[in-house]
Amino acid sequence: MSTNAYIKYLTQQFVEYFNLTKKERREKRRHKKEDKNHGMSHWFGIVPFALTMFVRKNIKK
């Protein structure tokens, strides 16, 4: 990507962001936060979760 194209892209994103109302920006940030995958599954997938369930199941027996 050339420098001019990158600056044009940044300018478009900047203008697009500031054309939103304050309420829309907050809503967009809130949705982005909710969509994030939290915890161990984010870093290691479902394996740690499955192992934890297996261990808990065996401890209860």
PDB file of N, CA and C in Angstrom:
ATOM      1  N   MET A   1       0.848  -1.168   0.000  1.00  0.00           N
ATOM      2  CA  MET A   1       0.000   0.000   0.000  1.00  0.00           C
ATOM      3  C   MET A   1       0.901   1.241   0.000  1.00  0.00           C
ATOM      4  N   SER A   2       0.654   2.122  -0.925  1.00  0.00           N
ATOM      5  CA  SER A   2       1.476   3.326  -1.004  1.00  0.00           C
ATOM      6  C   SER A   2       1.131   4.282   0.135  1.00  0.00           C
ATOM      7  N   THR A   3       2.007   5.208   0.360  1.00  0.00           N
ATOM      8  CA  THR A   3       1.821   6.170   1.449  1.00  0.00           C
ATOM      9  C   THR A   3       0.577   7.014   1.232  1.00  0.00           C
ATOM     10  N   ASN A   4       0.355   7.446   0.004  1.00  0.00           N
ATOM     11  CA  ASN A   4      -0.820   8.270  -0.295  1.00  0.00           C
ATOM     12  C   ASN A   4      -2.114   7.491  -0.070  1.00  0.00           C
ATOM     13  N   ALA A   5      -2.129   6.240  -0.469  1.00  0.00           N
ATOM     14  CA  ALA A   5      -3.323   5.421  -0.286  1.00  0.00           C
ATOM     15  C   ALA A   5      -3.589   5.187   1.201  1.00  0.00           C
ATOM     16  N   TYR A   6      -2.530   4.999   1.971  1.00  0.00           N
ATOM     17  CA  TYR A   6      -2.669   4.775   3.411  1.00  0.00           C
ATOM     18  C   TYR A   6      -3.192   6.029   4.112  1.00  0.00           C
ATOM     19  N   ILE A   7      -2.669   7.179   3.738  1.00  0.00           N
ATOM     20  CA  ILE A   7      -3.127   8.443   4.322  1.00  0.00           C
ATOM     21  C   ILE A   7      -4.582   8.698   3.947  1.00  0.00           C
ATOM     22  N   LYS A   8      -4.942   8.372   2.729  1.00  0.00           N
ATOM     23  CA  LYS A   8      -6.332   8.530   2.293  1.00  0.00           C
ATOM     24  C   LYS A   8      -7.248   7.625   3.111  1.00  0.00           C
ATOM     25  N   TYR A   9      -6.828   6.383   3.336  1.00  0.00           N
ATOM     26  CA  TYR A   9      -7.614   5.445   4.135  1.00  0.00           C
ATOM     27  C   TYR A   9      -7.776   5.960   5.564  1.00  0.00           C
ATOM     28  N   LEU A  10      -6.681   6.410   6.178  1.00  0.00           N
ATOM     29  CA  LEU A  10      -6.744   6.933   7.547  1.00  0.00           C
ATOM     30  C   LEU A  10      -7.675   8.138   7.640  1.00  0.00           C
ATOM     31  N   THR A  11      -7.603   9.013   6.662  1.00  0.00           N
ATOM     32  CA  THR A  11      -8.463  10.195   6.652  1.00  0.00           C
ATOM     33  C   THR A  11      -9.929   9.797   6.545  1.00  0.00           C
ATOM     34  N   GLN A  12     -10.222   8.825   5.678  1.00  0.00           N
ATOM     35  CA  GLN A  12     -11.603   8.356   5.538  1.00  0.00           C
ATOM     36  C   GLN A  12     -12.114   7.767   6.841  1.00  0.00           C
ATOM     37  N   GLN A  13     -11.295   6.962   7.506  1.00  0.00           N
ATOM     38  CA  GLN A  13     -11.699   6.355   8.769  1.00  0.00           C
ATOM     39  C   GLN A  13     -11.915   7.423   9.841  1.00  0.00           C
ATOM     40  N   PHE A  14     -11.036   8.406   9.886  1.00  0.00           N
ATOM     41  CA  PHE A  14     -11.130   9.491  10.848  1.00  0.00           C
ATOM     42  C   PHE A  14     -12.420  10.287  10.660  1.00  0.00           C
ATOM     43  N   VAL A  15     -12.711  10.655   9.428  1.00  0.00           N
ATOM     44  CA  VAL A  15     -13.918  11.426   9.128  1.00  0.00           C
ATOM     45  C   VAL A  15     -15.161  10.593   9.412  1.00  0.00           C
ATOM     46  N   GLU A  16     -15.123   9.322   9.047  1.00  0.00           N
ATOM     47  CA  GLU A  16     -16.257   8.423   9.289  1.00  0.00           C
ATOM     48  C   GLU A  16     -16.544   8.305  10.790  1.00  0.00           C
ATOM     49  N   TYR A  17     -15.496   8.207  11.588  1.00  0.00           N
ATOM     50  CA  TYR A  17     -15.646   8.086  13.038  1.00  0.00           C
ATOM     51  C   TYR A  17     -16.267   9.349  13.627  1.00  0.00           C
ATOM     52  N   PHE A  18     -15.787  10.508  13.210  1.00  0.00           N
ATOM     53  CA  PHE A  18     -16.293  11.750  13.784  1.00  0.00           C
ATOM     54  C   PHE A  18     -17.633  12.178  13.213  1.00  0.00           C
ATOM     55  N   ASN A  19     -18.104  11.547  12.162  1.00  0.00           N
ATOM     56  CA  ASN A  19     -19.448  11.813  11.664  1.00  0.00           C
ATOM     57  C   ASN A  19     -20.506  11.081  12.490  1.00  0.00           C
ATOM     58  N   LEU A  20     -20.091  10.093  13.263  1.00  0.00           N
ATOM     59  CA  LEU A  20     -21.019   9.391  14.133  1.00  0.00           C
ATOM     60  C   LEU A  20     -21.338  10.262  15.348  1.00  0.00           C
ATOM     61  N   THR A  21     -22.545  10.098  15.867  1.00  0.00           N
ATOM     62  CA  THR A  21     -22.882  10.816  17.090  1.00  0.00           C
ATOM     63  C   THR A  21     -22.187  10.146  18.267  1.00  0.00           C
ATOM     64  N   LYS A  22     -22.147  10.845  19.377  1.00  0.00           N
ATOM     65  CA  LYS A  22     -21.486  10.313  20.566  1.00  0.00           C
ATOM     66  C   LYS A  22     -22.168   9.025  21.022  1.00  0.00           C
ATOM     67  N   LYS A  23     -23.478   8.995  20.917  1.00  0.00           N
ATOM     68  CA  LYS A  23     -24.245   7.817  21.319  1.00  0.00           C
ATOM     69  C   LYS A  23     -23.898   6.615  20.421  1.00  0.00           C
ATOM     70  N   GLU A  24     -23.784   6.846  19.116  1.00  0.00           N
ATOM     71  CA  GLU A  24     -23.447   5.771  18.178  1.00  0.00           C
ATOM     72  C   GLU A  24     -22.044   5.231  18.441  1.00  0.00           C
ATOM     73  N   ARG A  25     -21.107   6.129  18.769  1.00  0.00           N
ATOM     74  CA  ARG A  25     -19.736   5.690  19.063  1.00  0.00           C
ATOM     75  C   ARG A  25     -19.708   4.817  20.309  1.00  0.00           C
ATOM     76  N   ARG A  26     -20.444   5.223  21.343  1.00  0.00           N
ATOM     77  CA  ARG A  26     -20.512   4.425  22.567  1.00  0.00           C
ATOM     78  C   ARG A  26     -21.120   3.059  22.292  1.00  0.00           C
ATOM     79  N   GLU A  27     -22.192   3.038  21.502  1.00  0.00           N
ATOM     80  CA  GLU A  27     -22.866   1.783  21.159  1.00  0.00           C
ATOM     81  C   GLU A  27     -21.929   0.861  20.371  1.00  0.00           C
ATOM     82  N   LYS A  28     -21.186   1.437  19.444  1.00  0.00           N
ATOM     83  CA  LYS A  28     -20.245   0.663  18.635  1.00  0.00           C
ATOM     84  C   LYS A  28     -19.163   0.046  19.522  1.00  0.00           C
ATOM     85  N   ARG A  29     -18.638   0.843  20.478  1.00  0.00           N
ATOM     86  CA  ARG A  29     -17.624   0.350  21.400  1.00  0.00           C
ATOM     87  C   ARG A  29     -18.175  -0.757  22.290  1.00  0.00           C
ATOM     88  N   ARG A  30     -19.430  -0.582  22.753  1.00  0.00           N
ATOM     89  CA  ARG A  30     -20.045  -1.585  23.610  1.00  0.00           C
ATOM     90  C   ARG A  30     -20.213  -2.907  22.871  1.00  0.00           C
ATOM     91  N   HIS A  31     -20.667  -2.836  21.617  1.00  0.00           N
ATOM     92  CA  HIS A  31     -20.828  -4.060  20.818  1.00  0.00           C
ATOM     93  C   HIS A  31     -19.482  -4.735  20.574  1.00  0.00           C
ATOM     94  N   LYS A  32     -18.474  -3.946  20.320  1.00  0.00           N
ATOM     95  CA  LYS A  32     -17.145  -4.507  20.078  1.00  0.00           C
ATOM     96  C   LYS A  32     -16.633  -5.225  21.319  1.00  0.00           C
ATOM     97  N   LYS A  33     -16.881  -4.648  22.496  1.00  0.00           N
ATOM     98  CA  LYS A  33     -16.464  -5.256  23.749  1.00  0.00           C
ATOM     99  C   LYS A  33     -17.203  -6.562  23.999  1.00  0.00           C
ATOM    100  N   GLU A  34     -18.506  -6.593  23.715  1.00  0.00           N
ATOM    101  CA  GLU A  34     -19.315  -7.791  23.940  1.00  0.00           C
ATOM    102  C   GLU A  34     -18.911  -8.930  23.021  1.00  0.00           C
ATOM    103  N   ASP A  35     -18.459  -8.605  21.829  1.00  0.00           N
ATOM    104  CA  ASP A  35     -18.131  -9.628  20.848  1.00  0.00           C
ATOM    105  C   ASP A  35     -16.782 -10.300  21.095  1.00  0.00           C
ATOM    106  N   LYS A  36     -15.974  -9.718  21.967  1.00  0.00           N
ATOM    107  CA  LYS A  36     -14.666 -10.303  22.225  1.00  0.00           C
ATOM    108  C   LYS A  36     -14.792 -11.645  22.924  1.00  0.00           C
ATOM    109  N   ASN A  37     -13.922 -12.559  22.572  1.00  0.00           N
ATOM    110  CA  ASN A  37     -13.871 -13.870  23.197  1.00  0.00           C
ATOM    111  C   ASN A  37     -12.943 -13.772  24.403  1.00  0.00           C
ATOM    112  N   HIS A  38     -13.479 -13.997  25.593  1.00  0.00           N
ATOM    113  CA  HIS A  38     -12.700 -13.820  26.809  1.00  0.00           C
ATOM    114  C   HIS A  38     -12.214 -15.154  27.351  1.00  0.00           C
ATOM    115  N   GLY A  39     -11.239 -15.069  28.223  1.00  0.00           N
ATOM    116  CA  GLY A  39     -10.788 -16.229  28.968  1.00  0.00           C
ATOM    117  C   GLY A  39      -9.778 -17.084  28.246  1.00  0.00           C
ATOM    118  N   MET A  40      -9.616 -18.278  28.794  1.00  0.00           N
ATOM    119  CA  MET A  40      -8.615 -19.211  28.284  1.00  0.00           C
ATOM    120  C   MET A  40      -8.917 -19.649  26.850  1.00  0.00           C
ATOM    121  N   SER A  41     -10.183 -19.733  26.489  1.00  0.00           N
ATOM    122  CA  SER A  41     -10.510 -20.204  25.140  1.00  0.00           C
ATOM    123  C   SER A  41      -9.990 -19.233  24.074  1.00  0.00           C
ATOM    124  N   HIS A  42      -9.822 -17.985  24.444  1.00  0.00           N
ATOM    125  CA  HIS A  42      -9.277 -17.017  23.495  1.00  0.00           C
ATOM    126  C   HIS A  42      -7.846 -17.386  23.121  1.00  0.00           C
ATOM    127  N   TRP A  43      -7.056 -17.817  24.096  1.00  0.00           N
ATOM    128  CA  TRP A  43      -5.655 -18.100  23.852  1.00  0.00           C
ATOM    129  C   TRP A  43      -5.400 -19.549  23.453  1.00  0.00           C
ATOM    130  N   PHE A  44      -6.155 -20.484  23.998  1.00  0.00           N
ATOM    131  CA  PHE A  44      -5.828 -21.893  23.802  1.00  0.00           C
ATOM    132  C   PHE A  44      -6.960 -22.724  23.210  1.00  0.00           C
ATOM    133  N   GLY A  45      -8.049 -22.113  22.829  1.00  0.00           N
ATOM    134  CA  GLY A  45      -9.157 -22.847  22.257  1.00  0.00           C
ATOM    135  C   GLY A  45     -10.029 -23.499  23.311  1.00  0.00           C
ATOM    136  N   ILE A  46     -10.724 -24.528  22.948  1.00  0.00           N
ATOM    137  CA  ILE A  46     -11.697 -25.173  23.825  1.00  0.00           C
ATOM    138  C   ILE A  46     -11.058 -26.240  24.712  1.00  0.00           C
ATOM    139  N   VAL A  47      -9.816 -26.606  24.451  1.00  0.00           N
ATOM    140  CA  VAL A  47      -9.153 -27.693  25.181  1.00  0.00           C
ATOM    141  C   VAL A  47      -9.096 -27.434  26.691  1.00  0.00           C
ATOM    142  N   PRO A  48      -8.654 -26.270  27.172  1.00  0.00           N
ATOM    143  CA  PRO A  48      -8.627 -26.061  28.620  1.00  0.00           C
ATOM    144  C   PRO A  48     -10.012 -26.173  29.265  1.00  0.00           C
ATOM    145  N   PHE A  49     -11.013 -25.679  28.570  1.00  0.00           N
ATOM    146  CA  PHE A  49     -12.377 -25.772  29.076  1.00  0.00           C
ATOM    147  C   PHE A  49     -12.811 -27.229  29.193  1.00  0.00           C
ATOM    148  N   ALA A  50     -12.524 -28.019  28.175  1.00  0.00           N
ATOM    149  CA  ALA A  50     -12.895 -29.438  28.185  1.00  0.00           C
ATOM    150  C   ALA A  50     -12.157 -30.181  29.300  1.00  0.00           C
ATOM    151  N   LEU A  51     -10.877 -29.894  29.473  1.00  0.00           N
ATOM    152  CA  LEU A  51     -10.106 -30.535  30.546  1.00  0.00           C
ATOM    153  C   LEU A  51     -10.647 -30.160  31.920  1.00  0.00           C
ATOM    154  N   THR A  52     -11.004 -28.903  32.098  1.00  0.00           N
ATOM    155  CA  THR A  52     -11.571 -28.455  33.368  1.00  0.00           C
ATOM    156  C   THR A  52     -12.870 -29.185  33.662  1.00  0.00           C
ATOM    157  N   MET A  53     -13.716 -29.311  32.665  1.00  0.00           N
ATOM    158  CA  MET A  53     -14.985 -30.033  32.859  1.00  0.00           C
ATOM    159  C   MET A  53     -14.715 -31.493  33.214  1.00  0.00           C
ATOM    160  N   PHE A  54     -13.760 -32.119  32.544  1.00  0.00           N
ATOM    161  CA  PHE A  54     -13.432 -33.525  32.799  1.00  0.00           C
ATOM    162  C   PHE A  54     -12.923 -33.708  34.228  1.00  0.00           C
ATOM    163  N   VAL A  55     -12.039 -32.827  34.667  1.00  0.00           N
ATOM    164  CA  VAL A  55     -11.480 -32.924  36.016  1.00  0.00           C
ATOM    165  C   VAL A  55     -12.577 -32.718  37.063  1.00  0.00           C
ATOM    166  N   ARG A  56     -13.413 -31.725  36.873  1.00  0.00           N
ATOM    167  CA  ARG A  56     -14.500 -31.461  37.832  1.00  0.00           C
ATOM    168  C   ARG A  56     -15.461 -32.653  37.914  1.00  0.00           C
ATOM    169  N   LYS A  57     -15.717 -33.250  36.778  1.00  0.00           N
ATOM    170  CA  LYS A  57     -16.625 -34.397  36.732  1.00  0.00           C
ATOM    171  C   LYS A  57     -16.024 -35.567  37.537  1.00  0.00           C
ATOM    172  N   ASN A  58     -14.724 -35.802  37.370  1.00  0.00           N
ATOM    173  CA  ASN A  58     -14.066 -36.894  38.071  1.00  0.00           C
ATOM    174  C   ASN A  58     -13.911 -36.618  39.566  1.00  0.00           C
ATOM    175  N   ILE A  59     -13.744 -35.382  39.953  1.00  0.00           N
ATOM    176  CA  ILE A  59     -13.609 -35.039  41.375  1.00  0.00           C
ATOM    177  C   ILE A  59     -14.932 -35.281  42.107  1.00  0.00           C
ATOM    178  N   LYS A  60     -16.044 -34.994  41.463  1.00  0.00           N
ATOM    179  CA  LYS A  60     -17.353 -35.156  42.094  1.00  0.00           C
ATOM    180  C   LYS A  60     -17.697 -36.626  42.320  1.00  0.00           C
ATOM    181  N   LYS A  61     -17.109 -37.529  41.552  1.00  0.00           N
ATOM    182  CA  LYS A  61     -17.434 -38.960  41.676  1.00  0.00           C
ATOM    183  C   LYS A  61     -16.845 -39.571  42.873  1.00  0.00           C
TER     184      LYS A  61
END
